[in-house]
């Protein structure tokens, strides 16, 4: 999981409602409202529960239609320095019935 050479996000496990790009040494995201954006979060987007989940292969820094960018709050995602690896982690979708 991570950012491919062409800038696309790669992960396993299917569609996701939350997509994080983190510094490799960042903590895993926790629960809202205060633990879901760990230090080292470079980019975070999510989609509402009534929107279509996000598919693997989207471009880093480009917010798909229906999604919202939470980190950074304004502007574009910080580029990843070549010497500092990043990871992409996603939270899969769940359906409640």
PDB file of N, CA and C in Angstrom:
ATOM      1  N   UNK A   1       0.846  -1.168   0.000  1.00  0.00           N
ATOM      2  CA  UNK A   1       0.000   0.000   0.000  1.00  0.00           C
ATOM      3  C   UNK A   1       0.890   1.228   0.000  1.00  0.00           C
ATOM      4  N   UNK A   2       0.490   2.212  -0.784  1.00  0.00           N
ATOM      5  CA  UNK A   2       1.248   3.443  -0.825  1.00  0.00           C
ATOM      6  C   UNK A   2       0.946   4.240  -2.081  1.00  0.00           C
ATOM      7  N   UNK A   3       1.898   5.078  -2.461  1.00  0.00           N
ATOM      8  CA  UNK A   3       1.768   5.910  -3.650  1.00  0.00           C
ATOM      9  C   UNK A   3       2.636   5.302  -4.736  1.00  0.00           C
ATOM     10  N   UNK A   4       2.013   4.959  -5.863  1.00  0.00           N
ATOM     11  CA  UNK A   4       2.739   4.375  -6.980  1.00  0.00           C
ATOM     12  C   UNK A   4       3.623   5.402  -7.671  1.00  0.00           C
ATOM     13  N   UNK A   5       4.526   4.949  -8.551  1.00  0.00           N
ATOM     14  CA  UNK A   5       5.434   5.860  -9.240  1.00  0.00           C
ATOM     15  C   UNK A   5       4.714   6.911 -10.083  1.00  0.00           C
ATOM     16  N   UNK A   6       3.485   6.589 -10.507  1.00  0.00           N
ATOM     17  CA  UNK A   6       2.727   7.545 -11.309  1.00  0.00           C
ATOM     18  C   UNK A   6       1.838   8.448 -10.455  1.00  0.00           C
ATOM     19  N   UNK A   7       1.938   8.358  -9.125  1.00  0.00           N
ATOM     20  CA  UNK A   7       1.167   9.212  -8.229  1.00  0.00           C
ATOM     21  C   UNK A   7      -0.195   8.671  -7.847  1.00  0.00           C
ATOM     22  N   UNK A   8      -0.504   7.436  -8.243  1.00  0.00           N
ATOM     23  CA  UNK A   8      -1.792   6.868  -7.853  1.00  0.00           C
ATOM     24  C   UNK A   8      -1.677   6.166  -6.508  1.00  0.00           C
ATOM     25  N   UNK A   9      -2.780   6.174  -5.774  1.00  0.00           N
ATOM     26  CA  UNK A   9      -2.828   5.499  -4.481  1.00  0.00           C
ATOM     27  C   UNK A   9      -3.167   4.039  -4.692  1.00  0.00           C
ATOM     28  N   UNK A  10      -2.436   3.191  -3.994  1.00  0.00           N
ATOM     29  CA  UNK A  10      -2.601   1.750  -4.142  1.00  0.00           C
ATOM     30  C   UNK A  10      -2.878   1.155  -2.766  1.00  0.00           C
ATOM     31  N   UNK A  11      -3.967   0.389  -2.671  1.00  0.00           N
ATOM     32  CA  UNK A  11      -4.266  -0.323  -1.432  1.00  0.00           C
ATOM     33  C   UNK A  11      -5.014  -1.607  -1.754  1.00  0.00           C
ATOM     34  N   UNK A  12      -5.122  -2.463  -0.766  1.00  0.00           N
ATOM     35  CA  UNK A  12      -5.834  -3.733  -0.922  1.00  0.00           C
ATOM     36  C   UNK A  12      -7.094  -3.696  -0.074  1.00  0.00           C
ATOM     37  N   UNK A  13      -8.063  -4.518  -0.417  1.00  0.00           N
ATOM     38  CA  UNK A  13      -9.229  -4.655   0.427  1.00  0.00           C
ATOM     39  C   UNK A  13     -10.493  -4.008  -0.091  1.00  0.00           C
ATOM     40  N   UNK A  14     -10.492  -3.468  -1.283  1.00  0.00           N
ATOM     41  CA  UNK A  14     -11.714  -2.917  -1.849  1.00  0.00           C
ATOM     42  C   UNK A  14     -11.884  -1.434  -1.607  1.00  0.00           C
ATOM     43  N   UNK A  15     -13.112  -0.972  -1.835  1.00  0.00           N
ATOM     44  CA  UNK A  15     -13.427   0.449  -1.737  1.00  0.00           C
ATOM     45  C   UNK A  15     -13.312   0.942  -0.291  1.00  0.00           C
ATOM     46  N   UNK A  16     -13.131   2.261  -0.134  1.00  0.00           N
ATOM     47  CA  UNK A  16     -12.904   2.835   1.189  1.00  0.00           C
ATOM     48  C   UNK A  16     -13.703   4.115   1.377  1.00  0.00           C
ATOM     49  N   UNK A  17     -14.069   4.398   2.599  1.00  0.00           N
ATOM     50  CA  UNK A  17     -14.748   5.651   2.948  1.00  0.00           C
ATOM     51  C   UNK A  17     -13.767   6.688   3.479  1.00  0.00           C
ATOM     52  N   UNK A  18     -12.641   6.246   3.978  1.00  0.00           N
ATOM     53  CA  UNK A  18     -11.596   7.142   4.497  1.00  0.00           C
ATOM     54  C   UNK A  18     -10.283   6.737   3.857  1.00  0.00           C
ATOM     55  N   UNK A  19      -9.558   7.698   3.316  1.00  0.00           N
ATOM     56  CA  UNK A  19      -8.249   7.425   2.725  1.00  0.00           C
ATOM     57  C   UNK A  19      -7.238   8.357   3.388  1.00  0.00           C
ATOM     58  N   UNK A  20      -6.233   7.760   3.996  1.00  0.00           N
ATOM     59  CA  UNK A  20      -5.164   8.493   4.658  1.00  0.00           C
ATOM     60  C   UNK A  20      -3.863   8.271   3.900  1.00  0.00           C
ATOM     61  N   UNK A  21      -3.077   9.325   3.737  1.00  0.00           N
ATOM     62  CA  UNK A  21      -1.691   9.196   3.323  1.00  0.00           C
ATOM     63  C   UNK A  21      -0.870   9.743   4.487  1.00  0.00           C
ATOM     64  N   UNK A  22      -0.063   8.858   5.055  1.00  0.00           N
ATOM     65  CA  UNK A  22       0.679   9.162   6.279  1.00  0.00           C
ATOM     66  C   UNK A  22       2.175   9.027   6.066  1.00  0.00           C
ATOM     67  N   UNK A  23       2.949   9.788   6.849  1.00  0.00           N
ATOM     68  CA  UNK A  23       4.380   9.518   6.909  1.00  0.00           C
ATOM     69  C   UNK A  23       4.540   8.093   7.415  1.00  0.00           C
ATOM     70  N   UNK A  24       5.573   7.419   6.971  1.00  0.00           N
ATOM     71  CA  UNK A  24       5.767   6.009   7.317  1.00  0.00           C
ATOM     72  C   UNK A  24       5.873   5.786   8.820  1.00  0.00           C
ATOM     73  N   UNK A  25       6.330   6.776   9.561  1.00  0.00           N
ATOM     74  CA  UNK A  25       6.484   6.614  11.004  1.00  0.00           C
ATOM     75  C   UNK A  25       5.294   7.158  11.802  1.00  0.00           C
ATOM     76  N   UNK A  26       4.213   7.536  11.134  1.00  0.00           N
ATOM     77  CA  UNK A  26       3.029   8.067  11.815  1.00  0.00           C
ATOM     78  C   UNK A  26       2.272   6.941  12.519  1.00  0.00           C
ATOM     79  N   UNK A  27       1.554   7.306  13.572  1.00  0.00           N
ATOM     80  CA  UNK A  27       0.690   6.361  14.269  1.00  0.00           C
ATOM     81  C   UNK A  27      -0.506   6.033  13.376  1.00  0.00           C
ATOM     82  N   UNK A  28      -1.140   4.889  13.607  1.00  0.00           N
ATOM     83  CA  UNK A  28      -2.376   4.565  12.914  1.00  0.00           C
ATOM     84  C   UNK A  28      -3.470   5.519  13.369  1.00  0.00           C
ATOM     85  N   UNK A  29      -4.397   5.867  12.481  1.00  0.00           N
ATOM     86  CA  UNK A  29      -5.514   6.715  12.893  1.00  0.00           C
ATOM     87  C   UNK A  29      -6.347   6.025  13.960  1.00  0.00           C
ATOM     88  N   UNK A  30      -6.886   6.835  14.866  1.00  0.00           N
ATOM     89  CA  UNK A  30      -7.750   6.326  15.919  1.00  0.00           C
ATOM     90  C   UNK A  30      -9.185   6.754  15.669  1.00  0.00           C
ATOM     91  N   UNK A  31      -9.919   6.997  16.744  1.00  0.00           N
ATOM     92  CA  UNK A  31     -11.330   7.344  16.636  1.00  0.00           C
ATOM     93  C   UNK A  31     -11.541   8.851  16.764  1.00  0.00           C
ATOM     94  N   UNK A  32     -12.596   9.364  16.091  1.00  0.00           N
ATOM     95  CA  UNK A  32     -12.935  10.784  16.227  1.00  0.00           C
ATOM     96  C   UNK A  32     -13.424  11.056  17.647  1.00  0.00           C
ATOM     97  N   UNK A  33     -13.416  12.251  18.133  1.00  0.00           N
ATOM     98  CA  UNK A  33     -13.102  13.457  17.389  1.00  0.00           C
ATOM     99  C   UNK A  33     -11.649  13.911  17.489  1.00  0.00           C
ATOM    100  N   UNK A  34     -10.855  13.284  18.351  1.00  0.00           N
ATOM    101  CA  UNK A  34      -9.514  13.833  18.567  1.00  0.00           C
ATOM    102  C   UNK A  34      -8.366  12.887  18.233  1.00  0.00           C
ATOM    103  N   UNK A  35      -8.627  11.651  17.840  1.00  0.00           N
ATOM    104  CA  UNK A  35      -7.538  10.721  17.559  1.00  0.00           C
ATOM    105  C   UNK A  35      -7.500  10.260  16.106  1.00  0.00           C
ATOM    106  N   UNK A  36      -8.359  10.820  15.273  1.00  0.00           N
ATOM    107  CA  UNK A  36      -8.470  10.334  13.894  1.00  0.00           C
ATOM    108  C   UNK A  36      -7.547  11.033  12.907  1.00  0.00           C
ATOM    109  N   UNK A  37      -6.767  12.015  13.372  1.00  0.00           N
ATOM    110  CA  UNK A  37      -5.791  12.681  12.502  1.00  0.00           C
ATOM    111  C   UNK A  37      -4.441  12.685  13.219  1.00  0.00           C
ATOM    112  N   UNK A  38      -3.709  11.566  13.128  1.00  0.00           N
ATOM    113  CA  UNK A  38      -2.425  11.502  13.837  1.00  0.00           C
ATOM    114  C   UNK A  38      -1.394  12.451  13.227  1.00  0.00           C
ATOM    115  N   UNK A  39      -0.434  12.832  14.036  1.00  0.00           N
ATOM    116  CA  UNK A  39       0.681  13.635  13.529  1.00  0.00           C
ATOM    117  C   UNK A  39       1.337  12.842  12.396  1.00  0.00           C
ATOM    118  N   UNK A  40       1.670  13.532  11.310  1.00  0.00           N
ATOM    119  CA  UNK A  40       2.251  12.854  10.156  1.00  0.00           C
ATOM    120  C   UNK A  40       1.229  12.548   9.070  1.00  0.00           C
ATOM    121  N   UNK A  41      -0.020  13.011   9.251  1.00  0.00           N
ATOM    122  CA  UNK A  41      -1.025  12.847   8.204  1.00  0.00           C
ATOM    123  C   UNK A  41      -0.738  13.869   7.112  1.00  0.00           C
ATOM    124  N   UNK A  42      -0.448  13.386   5.916  1.00  0.00           N
ATOM    125  CA  UNK A  42      -0.178  14.276   4.785  1.00  0.00           C
ATOM    126  C   UNK A  42      -1.444  14.624   4.025  1.00  0.00           C
ATOM    127  N   UNK A  43      -2.364  13.661   3.946  1.00  0.00           N
ATOM    128  CA  UNK A  43      -3.594  13.882   3.185  1.00  0.00           C
ATOM    129  C   UNK A  43      -4.658  12.964   3.739  1.00  0.00           C
ATOM    130  N   UNK A  44      -5.862  13.483   3.903  1.00  0.00           N
ATOM    131  CA  UNK A  44      -6.984  12.702   4.385  1.00  0.00           C
ATOM    132  C   UNK A  44      -8.231  13.150   3.648  1.00  0.00           C
ATOM    133  N   UNK A  45      -8.904  12.191   3.022  1.00  0.00           N
ATOM    134  CA  UNK A  45     -10.193  12.470   2.407  1.00  0.00           C
ATOM    135  C   UNK A  45     -11.192  11.432   2.891  1.00  0.00           C
ATOM    136  N   UNK A  46     -12.469  11.821   2.878  1.00  0.00           N
ATOM    137  CA  UNK A  46     -13.515  10.875   3.239  1.00  0.00           C
ATOM    138  C   UNK A  46     -14.757  11.162   2.414  1.00  0.00           C
ATOM    139  N   UNK A  47     -15.710  10.243   2.488  1.00  0.00           N
ATOM    140  CA  UNK A  47     -16.982  10.404   1.792  1.00  0.00           C
ATOM    141  C   UNK A  47     -18.121  10.184   2.787  1.00  0.00           C
ATOM    142  N   UNK A  48     -19.246  10.862   2.580  1.00  0.00           N
ATOM    143  CA  UNK A  48     -20.397  10.639   3.453  1.00  0.00           C
ATOM    144  C   UNK A  48     -20.937   9.223   3.302  1.00  0.00           C
ATOM    145  N   UNK A  49     -21.692   8.791   4.276  1.00  0.00           N
ATOM    146  CA  UNK A  49     -22.204   7.421   4.265  1.00  0.00           C
ATOM    147  C   UNK A  49     -23.153   7.145   3.109  1.00  0.00           C
ATOM    148  N   UNK A  50     -23.781   8.171   2.545  1.00  0.00           N
ATOM    149  CA  UNK A  50     -24.707   7.952   1.433  1.00  0.00           C
ATOM    150  C   UNK A  50     -24.051   8.126   0.063  1.00  0.00           C
ATOM    151  N   UNK A  51     -22.732   8.354   0.041  1.00  0.00           N
ATOM    152  CA  UNK A  51     -22.001   8.512  -1.220  1.00  0.00           C
ATOM    153  C   UNK A  51     -21.272   7.218  -1.562  1.00  0.00           C
ATOM    154  N   UNK A  52     -20.875   7.117  -2.804  1.00  0.00           N
ATOM    155  CA  UNK A  52     -20.133   5.943  -3.269  1.00  0.00           C
ATOM    156  C   UNK A  52     -18.738   5.931  -2.635  1.00  0.00           C
ATOM    157  N   UNK A  53     -18.310   4.757  -2.187  1.00  0.00           N
ATOM    158  CA  UNK A  53     -16.976   4.609  -1.589  1.00  0.00           C
ATOM    159  C   UNK A  53     -15.904   4.837  -2.644  1.00  0.00           C
ATOM    160  N   UNK A  54     -14.692   5.108  -2.201  1.00  0.00           N
ATOM    161  CA  UNK A  54     -13.571   5.449  -3.079  1.00  0.00           C
ATOM    162  C   UNK A  54     -12.842   4.198  -3.545  1.00  0.00           C
ATOM    163  N   UNK A  55     -12.507   4.183  -4.805  1.00  0.00           N
ATOM    164  CA  UNK A  55     -11.810   3.035  -5.393  1.00  0.00           C
ATOM    165  C   UNK A  55     -10.304   3.255  -5.403  1.00  0.00           C
ATOM    166  N   UNK A  56      -9.581   2.167  -5.283  1.00  0.00           N
ATOM    167  CA  UNK A  56      -8.128   2.179  -5.402  1.00  0.00           C
ATOM    168  C   UNK A  56      -7.749   2.726  -6.777  1.00  0.00           C
ATOM    169  N   UNK A  57      -6.636   3.443  -6.841  1.00  0.00           N
ATOM    170  CA  UNK A  57      -6.149   3.944  -8.125  1.00  0.00           C
ATOM    171  C   UNK A  57      -6.375   5.419  -8.341  1.00  0.00           C
ATOM    172  N   UNK A  58      -6.958   6.123  -7.369  1.00  0.00           N
ATOM    173  CA  UNK A  58      -7.138   7.569  -7.516  1.00  0.00           C
ATOM    174  C   UNK A  58      -5.787   8.266  -7.431  1.00  0.00           C
ATOM    175  N   UNK A  59      -5.711   9.474  -7.947  1.00  0.00           N
ATOM    176  CA  UNK A  59      -4.461  10.234  -7.939  1.00  0.00           C
ATOM    177  C   UNK A  59      -4.272  10.927  -6.596  1.00  0.00           C
ATOM    178  N   UNK A  60      -3.065  10.871  -6.087  1.00  0.00           N
ATOM    179  CA  UNK A  60      -2.719  11.557  -4.839  1.00  0.00           C
ATOM    180  C   UNK A  60      -2.954  13.050  -5.006  1.00  0.00           C
ATOM    181  N   UNK A  61      -3.686  13.647  -4.067  1.00  0.00           N
ATOM    182  CA  UNK A  61      -3.926  15.082  -4.077  1.00  0.00           C
ATOM    183  C   UNK A  61      -5.149  15.523  -4.853  1.00  0.00           C
ATOM    184  N   UNK A  62      -5.765  14.642  -5.624  1.00  0.00           N
ATOM    185  CA  UNK A  62      -6.968  14.994  -6.372  1.00  0.00           C
ATOM    186  C   UNK A  62      -8.183  14.430  -5.641  1.00  0.00           C
ATOM    187  N   UNK A  63      -9.086  15.306  -5.250  1.00  0.00           N
ATOM    188  CA  UNK A  63     -10.253  14.896  -4.478  1.00  0.00           C
ATOM    189  C   UNK A  63     -11.356  14.451  -5.443  1.00  0.00           C
ATOM    190  N   UNK A  64     -11.732  13.182  -5.393  1.00  0.00           N
ATOM    191  CA  UNK A  64     -12.788  12.690  -6.280  1.00  0.00           C
ATOM    192  C   UNK A  64     -14.137  13.346  -5.979  1.00  0.00           C
ATOM    193  N   UNK A  65     -15.009  13.366  -6.966  1.00  0.00           N
ATOM    194  CA  UNK A  65     -16.350  13.914  -6.792  1.00  0.00           C
ATOM    195  C   UNK A  65     -17.062  13.166  -5.661  1.00  0.00           C
ATOM    196  N   UNK A  66     -17.723  13.914  -4.802  1.00  0.00           N
ATOM    197  CA  UNK A  66     -18.449  13.333  -3.680  1.00  0.00           C
ATOM    198  C   UNK A  66     -17.615  13.191  -2.418  1.00  0.00           C
ATOM    199  N   UNK A  67     -16.297  13.354  -2.535  1.00  0.00           N
ATOM    200  CA  UNK A  67     -15.414  13.245  -1.367  1.00  0.00           C
ATOM    201  C   UNK A  67     -15.100  14.640  -0.834  1.00  0.00           C
ATOM    202  N   UNK A  68     -14.607  14.683   0.391  1.00  0.00           N
ATOM    203  CA  UNK A  68     -14.141  15.961   0.943  1.00  0.00           C
ATOM    204  C   UNK A  68     -12.748  15.768   1.513  1.00  0.00           C
ATOM    205  N   UNK A  69     -11.943  16.772   1.338  1.00  0.00           N
ATOM    206  CA  UNK A  69     -10.577  16.756   1.870  1.00  0.00           C
ATOM    207  C   UNK A  69     -10.613  17.341   3.269  1.00  0.00           C
ATOM    208  N   UNK A  70     -10.043  16.598   4.230  1.00  0.00           N
ATOM    209  CA  UNK A  70      -9.970  17.083   5.606  1.00  0.00           C
ATOM    210  C   UNK A  70      -8.575  17.559   5.968  1.00  0.00           C
ATOM    211  N   UNK A  71      -7.555  16.940   5.403  1.00  0.00           N
ATOM    212  CA  UNK A  71      -6.170  17.347   5.654  1.00  0.00           C
ATOM    213  C   UNK A  71      -5.456  17.392   4.316  1.00  0.00           C
ATOM    214  N   UNK A  72      -4.831  18.518   3.978  1.00  0.00           N
ATOM    215  CA  UNK A  72      -4.901  19.785   4.695  1.00  0.00           C
ATOM    216  C   UNK A  72      -6.276  20.419   4.544  1.00  0.00           C
ATOM    217  N   UNK A  73      -6.648  21.240   5.528  1.00  0.00           N
ATOM    218  CA  UNK A  73      -7.971  21.861   5.506  1.00  0.00           C
ATOM    219  C   UNK A  73      -8.126  22.782   4.305  1.00  0.00           C
ATOM    220  N   UNK A  74      -7.077  23.457   3.928  1.00  0.00           N
ATOM    221  CA  UNK A  74      -7.077  24.338   2.762  1.00  0.00           C
ATOM    222  C   UNK A  74      -5.871  24.011   1.902  1.00  0.00           C
ATOM    223  N   UNK A  75      -6.018  24.127   0.618  1.00  0.00           N
ATOM    224  CA  UNK A  75      -4.888  23.945  -0.277  1.00  0.00           C
ATOM    225  C   UNK A  75      -4.715  22.518  -0.742  1.00  0.00           C
ATOM    226  N   UNK A  76      -3.533  22.243  -1.220  1.00  0.00           N
ATOM    227  CA  UNK A  76      -3.252  20.946  -1.825  1.00  0.00           C
ATOM    228  C   UNK A  76      -2.425  20.078  -0.882  1.00  0.00           C
ATOM    229  N   UNK A  77      -2.468  18.782  -1.138  1.00  0.00           N
ATOM    230  CA  UNK A  77      -1.701  17.828  -0.339  1.00  0.00           C
ATOM    231  C   UNK A  77      -0.211  18.103  -0.475  1.00  0.00           C
ATOM    232  N   UNK A  78       0.497  17.967   0.634  1.00  0.00           N
ATOM    233  CA  UNK A  78       1.948  18.161   0.612  1.00  0.00           C
ATOM    234  C   UNK A  78       2.606  17.059  -0.199  1.00  0.00           C
ATOM    235  N   UNK A  79       3.550  17.430  -1.061  1.00  0.00           N
ATOM    236  CA  UNK A  79       4.281  16.371  -1.767  1.00  0.00           C
ATOM    237  C   UNK A  79       5.095  15.545  -0.779  1.00  0.00           C
ATOM    238  N   UNK A  80       5.315  14.303  -1.149  1.00  0.00           N
ATOM    239  CA  UNK A  80       6.101  13.417  -0.312  1.00  0.00           C
ATOM    240  C   UNK A  80       7.568  13.547  -0.673  1.00  0.00           C
ATOM    241  N   UNK A  81       8.421  13.962   0.283  1.00  0.00           N
ATOM    242  CA  UNK A  81       9.850  14.039  -0.022  1.00  0.00           C
ATOM    243  C   UNK A  81      10.386  12.670  -0.425  1.00  0.00           C
ATOM    244  N   UNK A  82      11.230  12.596  -1.442  1.00  0.00           N
ATOM    245  CA  UNK A  82      11.732  11.306  -1.908  1.00  0.00           C
ATOM    246  C   UNK A  82      12.408  10.481  -0.823  1.00  0.00           C
ATOM    247  N   UNK A  83      13.038  11.123   0.133  1.00  0.00           N
ATOM    248  CA  UNK A  83      13.767  10.386   1.163  1.00  0.00           C
ATOM    249  C   UNK A  83      12.843   9.903   2.284  1.00  0.00           C
ATOM    250  N   UNK A  84      11.598  10.336   2.280  1.00  0.00           N
ATOM    251  CA  UNK A  84      10.702   9.960   3.375  1.00  0.00           C
ATOM    252  C   UNK A  84       9.519   9.170   2.819  1.00  0.00           C
ATOM    253  N   UNK A  85       9.492   7.874   3.041  1.00  0.00           N
ATOM    254  CA  UNK A  85       8.399   7.063   2.493  1.00  0.00           C
ATOM    255  C   UNK A  85       7.065   7.388   3.148  1.00  0.00           C
ATOM    256  N   UNK A  86       6.009   7.154   2.407  1.00  0.00           N
ATOM    257  CA  UNK A  86       4.668   7.333   2.945  1.00  0.00           C
ATOM    258  C   UNK A  86       3.907   6.023   2.837  1.00  0.00           C
ATOM    259  N   UNK A  87       2.828   5.935   3.575  1.00  0.00           N
ATOM    260  CA  UNK A  87       1.942   4.785   3.466  1.00  0.00           C
ATOM    261  C   UNK A  87       0.540   5.293   3.189  1.00  0.00           C
ATOM    262  N   UNK A  88      -0.256   4.467   2.580  1.00  0.00           N
ATOM    263  CA  UNK A  88      -1.664   4.777   2.343  1.00  0.00           C
ATOM    264  C   UNK A  88      -2.461   3.753   3.115  1.00  0.00           C
ATOM    265  N   UNK A  89      -3.327   4.227   3.977  1.00  0.00           N
ATOM    266  CA  UNK A  89      -4.173   3.316   4.733  1.00  0.00           C
ATOM    267  C   UNK A  89      -5.619   3.712   4.540  1.00  0.00           C
ATOM    268  N   UNK A  90      -6.483   2.734   4.477  1.00  0.00           N
ATOM    269  CA  UNK A  90      -7.887   3.017   4.181  1.00  0.00           C
ATOM    270  C   UNK A  90      -8.777   2.260   5.131  1.00  0.00           C
ATOM    271  N   UNK A  91      -9.930   2.834   5.370  1.00  0.00           N
ATOM    272  CA  UNK A  91     -10.947   2.168   6.163  1.00  0.00           C
ATOM    273  C   UNK A  91     -12.028   1.709   5.197  1.00  0.00           C
ATOM    274  N   UNK A  92     -12.287   0.425   5.194  1.00  0.00           N
ATOM    275  CA  UNK A  92     -13.232  -0.159   4.262  1.00  0.00           C
ATOM    276  C   UNK A  92     -14.670   0.264   4.583  1.00  0.00           C
ATOM    277  N   UNK A  93     -15.556  -0.116   3.729  1.00  0.00           N
ATOM    278  CA  UNK A  93     -16.963   0.222   3.917  1.00  0.00           C
ATOM    279  C   UNK A  93     -17.654  -0.884   4.695  1.00  0.00           C
ATOM    280  N   UNK A  94     -18.628  -0.499   5.453  1.00  0.00           N
ATOM    281  CA  UNK A  94     -19.462  -1.443   6.179  1.00  0.00           C
ATOM    282  C   UNK A  94     -20.921  -1.084   5.918  1.00  0.00           C
ATOM    283  N   UNK A  95     -21.765  -2.057   5.871  1.00  0.00           N
ATOM    284  CA  UNK A  95     -23.195  -1.799   5.704  1.00  0.00           C
ATOM    285  C   UNK A  95     -23.934  -2.284   6.935  1.00  0.00           C
ATOM    286  N   UNK A  96     -24.761  -1.441   7.483  1.00  0.00           N
ATOM    287  CA  UNK A  96     -25.560  -1.819   8.640  1.00  0.00           C
ATOM    288  C   UNK A  96     -26.971  -2.126   8.157  1.00  0.00           C
ATOM    289  N   UNK A  97     -27.501  -3.230   8.573  1.00  0.00           N
ATOM    290  CA  UNK A  97     -28.865  -3.596   8.159  1.00  0.00           C
ATOM    291  C   UNK A  97     -29.711  -3.884   9.366  1.00  0.00           C
TER     292      UNK A  97
END
